[in-house]
Amino acid sequence: MPAVHHKLLLEEALQDSPQTRSLLSVFEEDAGTLTNYTNQLLQSMQRVFGAQNEMALATEQLSKQLLDYEKQNFALAKGDEEVINTLQHFAKSVEELNSLHAELATQIADKMVFPMVQFREKDLTEISTLKEIFGIASDEHEAAMVKYSRLPKKRENEKIKAEVVREVAYCRRKQHQAAMQYYCALNALQYRKRVAMLEPMLGYTHAQINFFKKGMELVSKKMESFLSSVSSMNQSIESQLEVEAEVMRSSQRELLSVDDTIYMPDHDQVPVNRALIQKAGYLNIRNKTGLVTTAWDRLFFFTQGGNLMCQPRGAVAGGMVLDLDNSSVMAIECEDRRYCFQITSPNGKTSLILQAESKKEYEEWICTLNNISRQIYLTDNPEAVAIRLHQTALQAVTPITSFEKRVEESCFSSSVERNQAPEDLIVPGTPIQFDIVLPASEFLDQNRAGARRTNLFGETEDDDGASDTHDSLLQQVFAVRFLGSMAVRAGHTQEVIYEAMRQVLAARAIHNIFKTTESHLLVTSSCIRLIEPQTQVTKISVSFQLKNVTQFAAHQENSRLMGFVLQGSDGGEDQPSFSVFVFESNTEGEKICYTINLGKEISEAKKDPEALAQLMKSMPLTNDGKFLLLESETGDEAEAAGPDEQESEA
């Protein structure tokens, strides 16, 4: 180490010459620069200590986090046992490294930061203090010399002169002592600053060497084999990832190579599957937002057993929306939107309006919900049952409700008829008539080459019909809407009525026929007439005779639906033909069926006066001697409806 060549001479402190003052200013400037640099260097050292201390805290936290991996409830944690054991081993090693980092932080604080702080607080602060003392002493000496210089020449006062001389001597001695202490401190600073710069770095380097030595011992003795096994496991995982990534890339290329129509809605190339008993996908549901305002929400729907479930976006699980058993499903027109359909609960109190994205989805949803409503999913082979049911009506994809439940007892059906399949009741593809003007069988007659059109219903065109109705013992009027009619094979079972109802409602939904006209159904003891409400004119020029009504029934679930079977002749009495007429009423269909049954009883009782008298005694009568059954349904409510067409709720 070279010696210090520049220093302040203590012999020149008393004289305090300008040259000495000039050299003193150089030393003072050097001390000021050293003070600034020391402050900056100390900040850097404190930052290193803070980082090392934070490293110790961070490794401690890292060790705890590695141990917490086992406590995490991962949904896909199967097969992580090896990873958990490896992380626990790493946590133990990190904990040991943490002790080394904490020891290193302590050594940095003791051997690097503390010596620098001590140098700044002791040596540099001493220089600053001595500088202030030297400055005060110099000022006092200058003031004493000024006072001594002002002593007068004449009439000198020896006493005052002696006091001033003593004051000058005291201040000069004080300045001399302060100057020598200040000069000694400045000279010593030139050596101390070199020690102050080297000692912290020497301590820091030794601390780091000690840290690395212990770290190498830890790694070489305890972790070499462990790190080798972890490296092998990591390479194996990366190899598996590469294989899986290649499989996913290949699958991605294959999926992206399809035609662009797969992304287009309503461009499904796969045929409709009508035998589904489960379905899932996005549908739009209509919700009421006010008295007259609605909003549509796109939600994910799926079926589960006999329930319709809904799962909003972000939800963990779905919730039940509606019980589909015995519910009704039909296509509807709603707010000028396509592919809308409605699901109604058996009691009619709950209904949902949904919209599918495409025609295929629309038909599959309706078929699936219909199959579930029939409880097909409870059978041994639900797919086969669904296919067999759809063979009866190829176009019937939107039945309103389930007709699987049959009447256990029927006064007009035999055990053989109750076991008939749908194709035994109605010929597949039979035309359906939506207008009441012509009998349904005439459409069937037109398809029979060379066949002769006959009156299937045994109707009469006699003018005496009006008088017969006027003189009838029973006259009951019901507000109804005609839904359709079709020719059937059997006429003495309620099953044929149920199947006809299903196919009529399905056909109306397929062909988007939703509006019907309200009429008045007049039931007497001899016939059934359909009358125009406003003009009171019979819509059919002839009436349906009760004697030709072979069967009638109301739907078991939708109480507003009813139908009856009319028998006609087709080439003779040995070959009768039958047609089913389906109506929707404003009241319960059972009431209409009860009235028809009473009319047939009256018609039979007319043949026996005693039986007729007994029947009249058991029933309440009006003032003119007619049977009193129900209040009229064609009053104010029917008139309020007016001649406008009303939409059917069937």
Foldseek 3Di string as FASTA:
>chain_A
DDDDDDAQDLVCQLVPDPVSVVSVVVLVVVLVVLLVVLVVVLVVLVVVLVVLVVVLVVLLVQLVVLQCVVVDPDPPCPPCPVVNVLSNVVSVVSNVLSVLSVQLSVLLVVFANVLSVCCNVPLSVVLVVLVVQLVVLVVQLVVLVVVQVPQDDPPGDPVVNVVSVVSNVVSSVSNSVSSSVNRVSSVVVVVVSVCSVPRNVVSNVVSVVVSVVVVCVCCVPPPPVVVVVVVVVVVVVVVVVVVVVVVVVVVVVVVVPDDPCVVPWQSDPDAAQLLDQKDKDWKWWWDDPDPPDIDIDIWIWIDDQQFIWTDHPPRPDIDTDDRLAFWFKFAACDPNDPLWMKIAGLQRPDMIIIHDRYPSVSLNVQSNSQLSNQVLVVDPDSSVVSVQVCQQEVQQRHFTGHPNDFDPDAPQDDPVVVPDDSCQWAPYPWDKFQDPADDQCVVVVVVDPPFDDDDFFPWDLDPCPVVCQVPFQDKAKFKKWWQIKTWTDDARGCSSQSSRSRNSRSVCRSVVPFWTWIWIWIDTLFFIFTAHLPVRHTSYSTTRTLVQFNDKDADPRQQQKIKTKGWGDRPDPVRIIIMIIIMGTPDGPVLVVVRSVVSPQCNVCVVPVVSNVVVLVVADGDPVNHGDDDDHPCPPVVVVVPRDIDGDPD
